[in-house]
């Protein structure tokens, strides 16, 4: 977050531990941003609703499956902080529990218009949430990437239309 462009659109992806889904969403979105030459216009980060994995890199299985698809997961796990509400323009959650956890931290609904479910942006894959692949097989991790690619495409379109 240090290298922020004051005028850039700021997006943060949220999952529970910030070691599988949200760092993957961040990597997919960063790839799209780079492909579209929008590095100076859109900034991304990721965080978790819990601090259990604070300071850890992304899950090794998630990193492996992401690399197969051409994504490098470089983020380090951190918890979502209340100051993130003000800093980020869009707070994008991976599942219903993440959504509820984040909205509970905003009891006055001051930031509710910024909080979205990532699957709201899917165009091809119709799912209600991005499943947590942590205890599953490599196919589960690939499924997460499939959903995130679709959702991040839609999110990028949404952001471009809003600016």
N, C-alpha and C. Protein backbone atom coordinates (compact mmCIF):
# COMPACT_ATOMS: atom_id res chain seq x y z
N UNK A 1 0.80 -1.20 0.00
CA UNK A 1 0.00 0.00 0.00
C UNK A 1 0.85 1.27 0.00
N UNK A 2 2.15 1.19 0.22
CA UNK A 2 3.01 2.38 0.31
C UNK A 2 3.13 3.13 -1.01
N UNK A 3 3.17 2.41 -2.10
CA UNK A 3 3.44 3.05 -3.40
C UNK A 3 2.16 3.54 -4.08
N UNK A 4 1.23 3.98 -3.31
CA UNK A 4 -0.07 4.38 -3.80
C UNK A 4 -0.03 5.62 -4.67
N UNK A 5 -0.78 5.56 -5.74
CA UNK A 5 -1.06 6.73 -6.55
C UNK A 5 -2.34 7.31 -5.97
N UNK A 6 -2.30 8.56 -5.57
CA UNK A 6 -3.44 9.18 -4.89
C UNK A 6 -4.74 9.03 -5.69
N UNK A 7 -4.65 9.03 -7.00
CA UNK A 7 -5.84 8.99 -7.84
C UNK A 7 -6.21 7.59 -8.31
N UNK A 8 -5.46 6.59 -7.91
CA UNK A 8 -5.75 5.24 -8.38
C UNK A 8 -6.98 4.67 -7.67
N UNK A 9 -7.62 3.71 -8.33
CA UNK A 9 -8.71 2.96 -7.74
C UNK A 9 -8.06 1.86 -6.92
N UNK A 10 -8.49 1.72 -5.67
CA UNK A 10 -7.87 0.77 -4.76
C UNK A 10 -8.84 -0.35 -4.42
N UNK A 11 -8.38 -1.60 -4.66
CA UNK A 11 -9.21 -2.78 -4.46
C UNK A 11 -8.51 -3.71 -3.48
N UNK A 12 -9.26 -4.24 -2.52
CA UNK A 12 -8.71 -5.24 -1.62
C UNK A 12 -9.60 -6.48 -1.67
N UNK A 13 -8.96 -7.64 -1.76
CA UNK A 13 -9.66 -8.92 -1.80
C UNK A 13 -9.57 -9.56 -0.43
N UNK A 14 -10.68 -10.12 0.03
CA UNK A 14 -10.77 -10.65 1.39
C UNK A 14 -11.21 -12.12 1.39
N UNK A 15 -10.44 -12.95 2.10
CA UNK A 15 -10.88 -14.31 2.42
C UNK A 15 -10.60 -14.52 3.91
N UNK A 16 -10.68 -15.73 4.38
CA UNK A 16 -10.51 -15.93 5.81
C UNK A 16 -9.06 -15.76 6.26
N UNK A 17 -8.15 -16.57 5.74
CA UNK A 17 -6.78 -16.55 6.23
C UNK A 17 -5.80 -15.76 5.39
N UNK A 18 -6.23 -15.35 4.21
CA UNK A 18 -5.37 -14.60 3.28
C UNK A 18 -4.17 -15.42 2.82
N UNK A 19 -4.41 -16.74 2.59
CA UNK A 19 -3.33 -17.58 2.06
C UNK A 19 -3.73 -18.35 0.81
N UNK A 20 -5.00 -18.36 0.44
CA UNK A 20 -5.42 -19.09 -0.77
C UNK A 20 -6.19 -18.19 -1.73
N UNK A 21 -7.44 -17.92 -1.41
CA UNK A 21 -8.32 -17.25 -2.36
C UNK A 21 -7.99 -15.78 -2.58
N UNK A 22 -7.85 -15.01 -1.51
CA UNK A 22 -7.62 -13.57 -1.72
C UNK A 22 -6.26 -13.26 -2.35
N UNK A 23 -5.17 -13.97 -1.97
CA UNK A 23 -3.93 -13.67 -2.69
C UNK A 23 -4.00 -14.10 -4.16
N UNK A 24 -4.79 -15.13 -4.44
CA UNK A 24 -4.98 -15.56 -5.83
C UNK A 24 -5.77 -14.53 -6.60
N UNK A 25 -6.82 -14.00 -5.99
CA UNK A 25 -7.60 -12.93 -6.64
C UNK A 25 -6.71 -11.73 -6.91
N UNK A 26 -5.87 -11.39 -5.95
CA UNK A 26 -4.94 -10.26 -6.12
C UNK A 26 -4.02 -10.51 -7.31
N UNK A 27 -3.47 -11.73 -7.41
CA UNK A 27 -2.55 -12.06 -8.51
C UNK A 27 -3.26 -12.04 -9.87
N UNK A 28 -4.46 -12.59 -9.92
CA UNK A 28 -5.23 -12.60 -11.18
C UNK A 28 -5.53 -11.16 -11.59
N UNK A 29 -5.97 -10.35 -10.63
CA UNK A 29 -6.32 -8.95 -10.94
C UNK A 29 -5.07 -8.18 -11.37
N UNK A 30 -3.96 -8.37 -10.67
CA UNK A 30 -2.72 -7.68 -11.05
C UNK A 30 -2.30 -8.04 -12.47
N UNK A 31 -2.49 -9.31 -12.84
CA UNK A 31 -2.16 -9.74 -14.20
C UNK A 31 -3.05 -9.02 -15.22
N UNK A 32 -4.34 -8.92 -14.94
CA UNK A 32 -5.26 -8.21 -15.84
C UNK A 32 -4.91 -6.72 -15.92
N UNK A 33 -4.57 -6.15 -14.80
CA UNK A 33 -4.20 -4.74 -14.76
C UNK A 33 -2.97 -4.50 -15.64
N UNK A 34 -1.99 -5.38 -15.51
CA UNK A 34 -0.76 -5.25 -16.31
C UNK A 34 -1.06 -5.44 -17.80
N UNK A 35 -1.84 -6.46 -18.14
CA UNK A 35 -2.18 -6.72 -19.54
C UNK A 35 -2.90 -5.54 -20.19
N UNK A 36 -3.63 -4.79 -19.38
CA UNK A 36 -4.40 -3.66 -19.89
C UNK A 36 -3.71 -2.31 -19.68
N UNK A 37 -2.46 -2.35 -19.21
CA UNK A 37 -1.69 -1.12 -19.02
C UNK A 37 -2.29 -0.17 -17.99
N UNK A 38 -2.88 -0.74 -16.95
CA UNK A 38 -3.56 0.09 -15.95
C UNK A 38 -2.82 0.16 -14.61
N UNK A 39 -1.53 -0.13 -14.62
CA UNK A 39 -0.76 -0.18 -13.38
C UNK A 39 -0.81 1.13 -12.59
N UNK A 40 -0.92 2.25 -13.27
CA UNK A 40 -0.98 3.54 -12.58
C UNK A 40 -2.39 3.97 -12.20
N UNK A 41 -3.37 3.13 -12.57
CA UNK A 41 -4.76 3.51 -12.33
C UNK A 41 -5.47 2.63 -11.30
N UNK A 42 -5.01 1.38 -11.15
CA UNK A 42 -5.66 0.45 -10.23
C UNK A 42 -4.60 -0.20 -9.36
N UNK A 43 -4.87 -0.25 -8.07
CA UNK A 43 -3.97 -0.84 -7.10
C UNK A 43 -4.72 -1.95 -6.36
N UNK A 44 -4.02 -3.05 -6.06
CA UNK A 44 -4.64 -4.20 -5.40
C UNK A 44 -3.89 -4.62 -4.16
N UNK A 45 -4.61 -5.23 -3.26
CA UNK A 45 -4.05 -5.84 -2.06
C UNK A 45 -4.99 -6.98 -1.68
N UNK A 46 -4.61 -7.71 -0.65
CA UNK A 46 -5.48 -8.76 -0.11
C UNK A 46 -5.27 -8.84 1.39
N UNK A 47 -6.28 -9.38 2.07
CA UNK A 47 -6.23 -9.51 3.52
C UNK A 47 -7.18 -10.62 3.95
N UNK A 48 -7.05 -10.99 5.22
CA UNK A 48 -7.92 -12.02 5.78
C UNK A 48 -8.80 -11.47 6.88
N UNK A 49 -9.86 -12.20 7.17
CA UNK A 49 -10.74 -11.80 8.26
C UNK A 49 -10.18 -12.26 9.61
N UNK A 50 -9.19 -13.15 9.59
CA UNK A 50 -8.53 -13.60 10.81
C UNK A 50 -7.03 -13.32 10.67
N UNK A 51 -6.33 -13.34 11.79
CA UNK A 51 -4.89 -13.06 11.74
C UNK A 51 -4.04 -14.31 12.02
N UNK A 52 -4.64 -15.48 11.86
CA UNK A 52 -3.96 -16.73 12.16
C UNK A 52 -2.69 -16.93 11.33
N UNK A 53 -2.70 -16.51 10.07
CA UNK A 53 -1.57 -16.72 9.16
C UNK A 53 -0.73 -15.47 8.95
N UNK A 54 -0.88 -14.48 9.80
CA UNK A 54 -0.20 -13.20 9.62
C UNK A 54 1.31 -13.41 9.37
N UNK A 55 1.80 -12.72 8.32
CA UNK A 55 3.21 -12.79 7.96
C UNK A 55 3.61 -13.98 7.11
N UNK A 56 2.68 -14.88 6.82
CA UNK A 56 2.99 -16.07 6.03
C UNK A 56 2.75 -15.81 4.54
N UNK A 57 3.52 -16.50 3.69
CA UNK A 57 3.24 -16.43 2.25
C UNK A 57 1.98 -17.25 1.93
N UNK A 58 1.55 -17.18 0.71
CA UNK A 58 0.38 -17.95 0.27
C UNK A 58 0.65 -19.45 0.44
N UNK A 59 -0.42 -20.20 0.59
CA UNK A 59 -0.37 -21.66 0.72
C UNK A 59 0.41 -22.27 -0.44
N UNK A 60 1.28 -23.23 -0.15
CA UNK A 60 2.14 -23.85 -1.17
C UNK A 60 1.33 -24.50 -2.29
N UNK A 61 0.24 -25.17 -1.95
CA UNK A 61 -0.59 -25.80 -2.99
C UNK A 61 -1.25 -24.75 -3.88
N UNK A 62 -1.70 -23.67 -3.27
CA UNK A 62 -2.32 -22.59 -4.06
C UNK A 62 -1.27 -21.96 -4.97
N UNK A 63 -0.08 -21.72 -4.44
CA UNK A 63 0.99 -21.13 -5.24
C UNK A 63 1.34 -22.02 -6.44
N UNK A 64 1.41 -23.32 -6.19
CA UNK A 64 1.75 -24.28 -7.24
C UNK A 64 0.70 -24.26 -8.36
N UNK A 65 -0.57 -24.33 -7.97
CA UNK A 65 -1.63 -24.34 -8.97
C UNK A 65 -1.73 -23.01 -9.71
N UNK A 66 -1.51 -21.93 -9.00
CA UNK A 66 -1.54 -20.60 -9.64
C UNK A 66 -0.40 -20.47 -10.65
N UNK A 67 0.76 -20.97 -10.29
CA UNK A 67 1.92 -20.89 -11.18
C UNK A 67 1.68 -21.66 -12.47
N UNK A 68 0.99 -22.79 -12.38
CA UNK A 68 0.63 -23.56 -13.57
C UNK A 68 -0.18 -22.69 -14.53
N UNK A 69 -0.98 -21.80 -14.00
CA UNK A 69 -1.83 -20.92 -14.80
C UNK A 69 -1.15 -19.59 -15.12
N UNK A 70 0.11 -19.42 -14.67
CA UNK A 70 0.85 -18.21 -15.01
C UNK A 70 0.76 -17.09 -13.99
N UNK A 71 0.29 -17.38 -12.78
CA UNK A 71 0.17 -16.36 -11.74
C UNK A 71 1.19 -16.61 -10.64
N UNK A 72 1.82 -15.56 -10.19
CA UNK A 72 2.78 -15.64 -9.10
C UNK A 72 2.17 -15.00 -7.86
N UNK A 73 2.02 -15.79 -6.81
CA UNK A 73 1.43 -15.28 -5.57
C UNK A 73 2.55 -14.77 -4.68
N UNK A 74 2.65 -13.46 -4.58
CA UNK A 74 3.76 -12.85 -3.84
C UNK A 74 3.32 -12.19 -2.54
N UNK A 75 2.05 -12.08 -2.30
CA UNK A 75 1.58 -11.35 -1.12
C UNK A 75 1.87 -12.13 0.16
N UNK A 76 1.94 -11.40 1.24
CA UNK A 76 2.15 -11.95 2.58
C UNK A 76 0.87 -11.72 3.37
N UNK A 77 0.41 -12.74 4.07
CA UNK A 77 -0.86 -12.67 4.79
C UNK A 77 -0.88 -11.56 5.83
N UNK A 78 -1.99 -10.86 5.81
CA UNK A 78 -2.24 -9.83 6.83
C UNK A 78 -3.73 -9.80 7.10
N UNK A 79 -4.12 -9.35 8.29
CA UNK A 79 -5.54 -9.22 8.57
C UNK A 79 -6.10 -7.92 8.03
N UNK A 80 -7.38 -7.92 7.72
CA UNK A 80 -8.09 -6.71 7.35
C UNK A 80 -8.11 -5.80 8.58
N UNK A 81 -7.85 -4.53 8.38
CA UNK A 81 -7.83 -3.57 9.48
C UNK A 81 -8.90 -2.51 9.23
N UNK A 82 -9.40 -1.90 10.28
CA UNK A 82 -10.46 -0.90 10.13
C UNK A 82 -10.04 0.26 9.22
N UNK A 83 -8.76 0.61 9.21
CA UNK A 83 -8.30 1.69 8.33
C UNK A 83 -8.46 1.33 6.85
N UNK A 84 -8.56 0.03 6.55
CA UNK A 84 -8.76 -0.40 5.16
C UNK A 84 -10.10 0.06 4.61
N UNK A 85 -11.09 0.22 5.46
CA UNK A 85 -12.40 0.71 5.01
C UNK A 85 -12.26 2.05 4.31
N UNK A 86 -11.49 2.92 4.89
CA UNK A 86 -11.33 4.27 4.34
C UNK A 86 -10.39 4.28 3.13
N UNK A 87 -9.32 3.49 3.21
CA UNK A 87 -8.29 3.52 2.17
C UNK A 87 -8.77 2.94 0.84
N UNK A 88 -9.47 1.81 0.89
CA UNK A 88 -9.85 1.10 -0.34
C UNK A 88 -11.19 1.56 -0.88
N UNK A 89 -11.27 1.62 -2.21
CA UNK A 89 -12.51 1.99 -2.89
C UNK A 89 -13.46 0.80 -2.98
N UNK A 90 -12.88 -0.41 -3.11
CA UNK A 90 -13.68 -1.62 -3.25
C UNK A 90 -13.11 -2.69 -2.33
N UNK A 91 -13.98 -3.30 -1.55
CA UNK A 91 -13.63 -4.38 -0.62
C UNK A 91 -14.38 -5.61 -1.13
N UNK A 92 -13.62 -6.56 -1.67
CA UNK A 92 -14.21 -7.68 -2.41
C UNK A 92 -14.02 -8.98 -1.62
N UNK A 93 -15.14 -9.59 -1.22
CA UNK A 93 -15.09 -10.80 -0.40
C UNK A 93 -15.26 -12.07 -1.24
N UNK A 94 -14.71 -13.17 -0.72
CA UNK A 94 -14.73 -14.44 -1.45
C UNK A 94 -15.95 -15.30 -1.15
N UNK A 95 -16.48 -15.20 0.07
CA UNK A 95 -17.65 -16.02 0.40
C UNK A 95 -18.57 -15.28 1.37
N UNK A 96 -19.68 -15.90 1.68
CA UNK A 96 -20.69 -15.25 2.52
C UNK A 96 -20.17 -14.97 3.93
N UNK A 97 -19.39 -15.89 4.49
CA UNK A 97 -18.84 -15.66 5.82
C UNK A 97 -17.90 -14.45 5.82
N UNK A 98 -17.06 -14.34 4.79
CA UNK A 98 -16.17 -13.18 4.69
C UNK A 98 -16.98 -11.89 4.58
N UNK A 99 -18.03 -11.94 3.78
CA UNK A 99 -18.89 -10.77 3.59
C UNK A 99 -19.50 -10.34 4.93
N UNK A 100 -20.04 -11.31 5.66
CA UNK A 100 -20.65 -11.01 6.96
C UNK A 100 -19.62 -10.50 7.96
N UNK A 101 -18.42 -11.12 7.96
CA UNK A 101 -17.37 -10.67 8.87
C UNK A 101 -16.98 -9.22 8.61
N UNK A 102 -16.88 -8.84 7.36
CA UNK A 102 -16.49 -7.48 7.02
C UNK A 102 -17.62 -6.49 7.30
N UNK A 103 -18.84 -6.85 6.92
CA UNK A 103 -19.95 -5.92 7.16
C UNK A 103 -20.21 -5.73 8.66
N UNK A 104 -19.95 -6.76 9.48
CA UNK A 104 -20.09 -6.63 10.93
C UNK A 104 -19.12 -5.59 11.49
N UNK A 105 -18.00 -5.41 10.83
CA UNK A 105 -17.00 -4.43 11.29
C UNK A 105 -17.39 -3.00 10.92
N UNK A 106 -18.49 -2.89 10.21
CA UNK A 106 -19.01 -1.59 9.78
C UNK A 106 -20.44 -1.44 10.30
N UNK A 107 -20.62 -1.40 11.63
CA UNK A 107 -21.98 -1.42 12.20
C UNK A 107 -22.84 -0.23 11.82
N UNK A 108 -22.25 0.88 11.46
CA UNK A 108 -23.03 2.05 11.05
C UNK A 108 -23.27 2.09 9.54
N UNK A 109 -22.85 1.03 8.84
CA UNK A 109 -23.01 0.94 7.38
C UNK A 109 -22.41 2.13 6.65
N UNK A 110 -21.34 2.63 7.17
CA UNK A 110 -20.66 3.78 6.57
C UNK A 110 -20.00 3.40 5.24
N UNK A 111 -19.57 2.14 5.12
CA UNK A 111 -18.82 1.71 3.94
C UNK A 111 -19.52 0.60 3.16
N UNK A 112 -20.79 0.34 3.45
CA UNK A 112 -21.45 -0.81 2.85
C UNK A 112 -21.47 -0.80 1.32
N UNK A 113 -21.46 0.37 0.70
CA UNK A 113 -21.50 0.41 -0.77
C UNK A 113 -20.17 -0.04 -1.39
N UNK A 114 -19.11 -0.07 -0.60
CA UNK A 114 -17.79 -0.51 -1.08
C UNK A 114 -17.63 -2.02 -1.01
N UNK A 115 -18.42 -2.69 -0.19
CA UNK A 115 -18.26 -4.11 0.08
C UNK A 115 -19.07 -4.94 -0.91
N UNK A 116 -18.39 -5.79 -1.64
CA UNK A 116 -19.04 -6.60 -2.67
C UNK A 116 -18.59 -8.06 -2.56
N UNK A 117 -19.41 -8.95 -3.05
CA UNK A 117 -19.04 -10.36 -3.19
C UNK A 117 -18.40 -10.51 -4.57
N UNK A 118 -17.28 -11.19 -4.64
CA UNK A 118 -16.56 -11.29 -5.92
C UNK A 118 -17.42 -11.97 -6.98
N UNK A 119 -18.26 -12.89 -6.57
CA UNK A 119 -19.06 -13.62 -7.56
C UNK A 119 -20.12 -12.75 -8.23
N UNK A 120 -20.37 -11.55 -7.67
CA UNK A 120 -21.28 -10.61 -8.33
C UNK A 120 -20.73 -10.19 -9.70
N UNK A 121 -19.43 -10.38 -9.91
CA UNK A 121 -18.79 -9.93 -11.13
C UNK A 121 -18.56 -11.05 -12.13
N UNK A 122 -18.96 -12.27 -11.79
CA UNK A 122 -18.81 -13.39 -12.73
C UNK A 122 -19.72 -13.21 -13.93
N UNK A 123 -19.20 -13.51 -15.10
CA UNK A 123 -20.00 -13.45 -16.33
C UNK A 123 -20.32 -14.82 -16.89
N UNK A 124 -19.42 -15.79 -16.69
CA UNK A 124 -19.58 -17.12 -17.29
C UNK A 124 -19.92 -18.18 -16.25
N UNK A 125 -19.25 -18.14 -15.12
CA UNK A 125 -19.43 -19.14 -14.07
C UNK A 125 -20.43 -18.62 -13.06
N UNK A 126 -21.49 -19.35 -12.87
CA UNK A 126 -22.54 -18.91 -11.93
C UNK A 126 -22.41 -19.66 -10.61
N UNK A 127 -21.80 -19.00 -9.63
CA UNK A 127 -21.65 -19.55 -8.29
C UNK A 127 -21.94 -18.43 -7.29
N UNK A 128 -22.29 -18.82 -6.08
CA UNK A 128 -22.59 -17.82 -5.04
C UNK A 128 -21.35 -17.39 -4.28
N UNK A 129 -20.31 -18.26 -4.26
CA UNK A 129 -19.09 -17.92 -3.55
C UNK A 129 -17.90 -18.71 -4.10
N UNK A 130 -16.72 -18.26 -3.75
CA UNK A 130 -15.49 -18.97 -4.12
C UNK A 130 -15.21 -19.95 -2.99
N UNK A 131 -15.26 -21.26 -3.27
CA UNK A 131 -15.07 -22.24 -2.21
C UNK A 131 -13.63 -22.23 -1.69
N UNK A 132 -13.48 -22.50 -0.40
CA UNK A 132 -12.16 -22.56 0.21
C UNK A 132 -11.49 -23.88 -0.20
N UNK A 133 -10.38 -23.83 -0.93
CA UNK A 133 -9.74 -25.05 -1.42
C UNK A 133 -8.75 -25.67 -0.43
N UNK A 134 -8.55 -25.05 0.71
CA UNK A 134 -7.44 -25.37 1.61
C UNK A 134 -7.30 -26.86 1.91
N UNK A 135 -8.38 -27.55 2.19
CA UNK A 135 -8.30 -28.97 2.55
C UNK A 135 -8.62 -29.90 1.38
N UNK A 136 -8.70 -29.35 0.18
CA UNK A 136 -9.11 -30.16 -0.96
C UNK A 136 -7.96 -30.59 -1.86
N UNK A 137 -8.34 -31.04 -3.03
CA UNK A 137 -7.38 -31.53 -4.02
C UNK A 137 -6.92 -30.40 -4.93
N UNK A 138 -5.98 -30.72 -5.82
CA UNK A 138 -5.50 -29.72 -6.77
C UNK A 138 -6.63 -29.21 -7.66
N UNK A 139 -7.64 -30.05 -7.92
CA UNK A 139 -8.78 -29.62 -8.73
C UNK A 139 -9.54 -28.48 -8.04
N UNK A 140 -9.62 -28.52 -6.73
CA UNK A 140 -10.29 -27.45 -5.99
C UNK A 140 -9.57 -26.12 -6.16
N UNK A 141 -8.24 -26.17 -6.16
CA UNK A 141 -7.46 -24.95 -6.36
C UNK A 141 -7.64 -24.42 -7.78
N UNK A 142 -7.69 -25.33 -8.76
CA UNK A 142 -7.91 -24.92 -10.15
C UNK A 142 -9.31 -24.31 -10.31
N UNK A 143 -10.29 -24.88 -9.63
CA UNK A 143 -11.65 -24.35 -9.67
C UNK A 143 -11.68 -22.92 -9.14
N UNK A 144 -10.95 -22.67 -8.06
CA UNK A 144 -10.86 -21.32 -7.49
C UNK A 144 -10.30 -20.36 -8.54
N UNK A 145 -9.26 -20.76 -9.22
CA UNK A 145 -8.65 -19.89 -10.24
C UNK A 145 -9.62 -19.65 -11.39
N UNK A 146 -10.36 -20.68 -11.80
CA UNK A 146 -11.36 -20.50 -12.86
C UNK A 146 -12.37 -19.43 -12.47
N UNK A 147 -12.89 -19.52 -11.25
CA UNK A 147 -13.89 -18.56 -10.78
C UNK A 147 -13.26 -17.16 -10.71
N UNK A 148 -12.05 -17.08 -10.16
CA UNK A 148 -11.40 -15.78 -10.00
C UNK A 148 -11.08 -15.12 -11.34
N UNK A 149 -10.68 -15.91 -12.33
CA UNK A 149 -10.42 -15.33 -13.65
C UNK A 149 -11.68 -14.69 -14.22
N UNK A 150 -12.80 -15.41 -14.11
CA UNK A 150 -14.07 -14.88 -14.61
C UNK A 150 -14.48 -13.64 -13.82
N UNK A 151 -14.43 -13.74 -12.50
CA UNK A 151 -14.86 -12.63 -11.64
C UNK A 151 -13.97 -11.40 -11.80
N UNK A 152 -12.68 -11.60 -11.88
CA UNK A 152 -11.77 -10.45 -12.02
C UNK A 152 -11.93 -9.77 -13.37
N UNK A 153 -12.23 -10.53 -14.41
CA UNK A 153 -12.56 -9.92 -15.71
C UNK A 153 -13.76 -8.99 -15.55
N UNK A 154 -14.80 -9.49 -14.90
CA UNK A 154 -16.01 -8.70 -14.68
C UNK A 154 -15.76 -7.51 -13.76
N UNK A 155 -14.94 -7.70 -12.74
CA UNK A 155 -14.61 -6.61 -11.82
C UNK A 155 -13.84 -5.52 -12.55
N UNK A 156 -12.90 -5.90 -13.39
CA UNK A 156 -12.14 -4.90 -14.14
C UNK A 156 -13.07 -4.11 -15.05
N UNK A 157 -13.99 -4.78 -15.74
CA UNK A 157 -14.98 -4.09 -16.58
C UNK A 157 -15.78 -3.10 -15.73
N UNK A 158 -16.23 -3.55 -14.57
CA UNK A 158 -17.00 -2.71 -13.65
C UNK A 158 -16.21 -1.46 -13.25
N UNK A 159 -14.96 -1.65 -12.89
CA UNK A 159 -14.11 -0.52 -12.47
C UNK A 159 -13.90 0.45 -13.61
N UNK A 160 -13.64 -0.07 -14.79
CA UNK A 160 -13.42 0.80 -15.96
C UNK A 160 -14.69 1.61 -16.26
N UNK A 161 -15.84 0.98 -16.17
CA UNK A 161 -17.11 1.69 -16.42
C UNK A 161 -17.38 2.76 -15.37
N UNK A 162 -16.94 2.52 -14.14
CA UNK A 162 -17.17 3.46 -13.04
C UNK A 162 -16.24 4.67 -13.09
N UNK A 163 -15.12 4.56 -13.84
CA UNK A 163 -14.15 5.67 -13.85
C UNK A 163 -14.31 6.53 -15.09
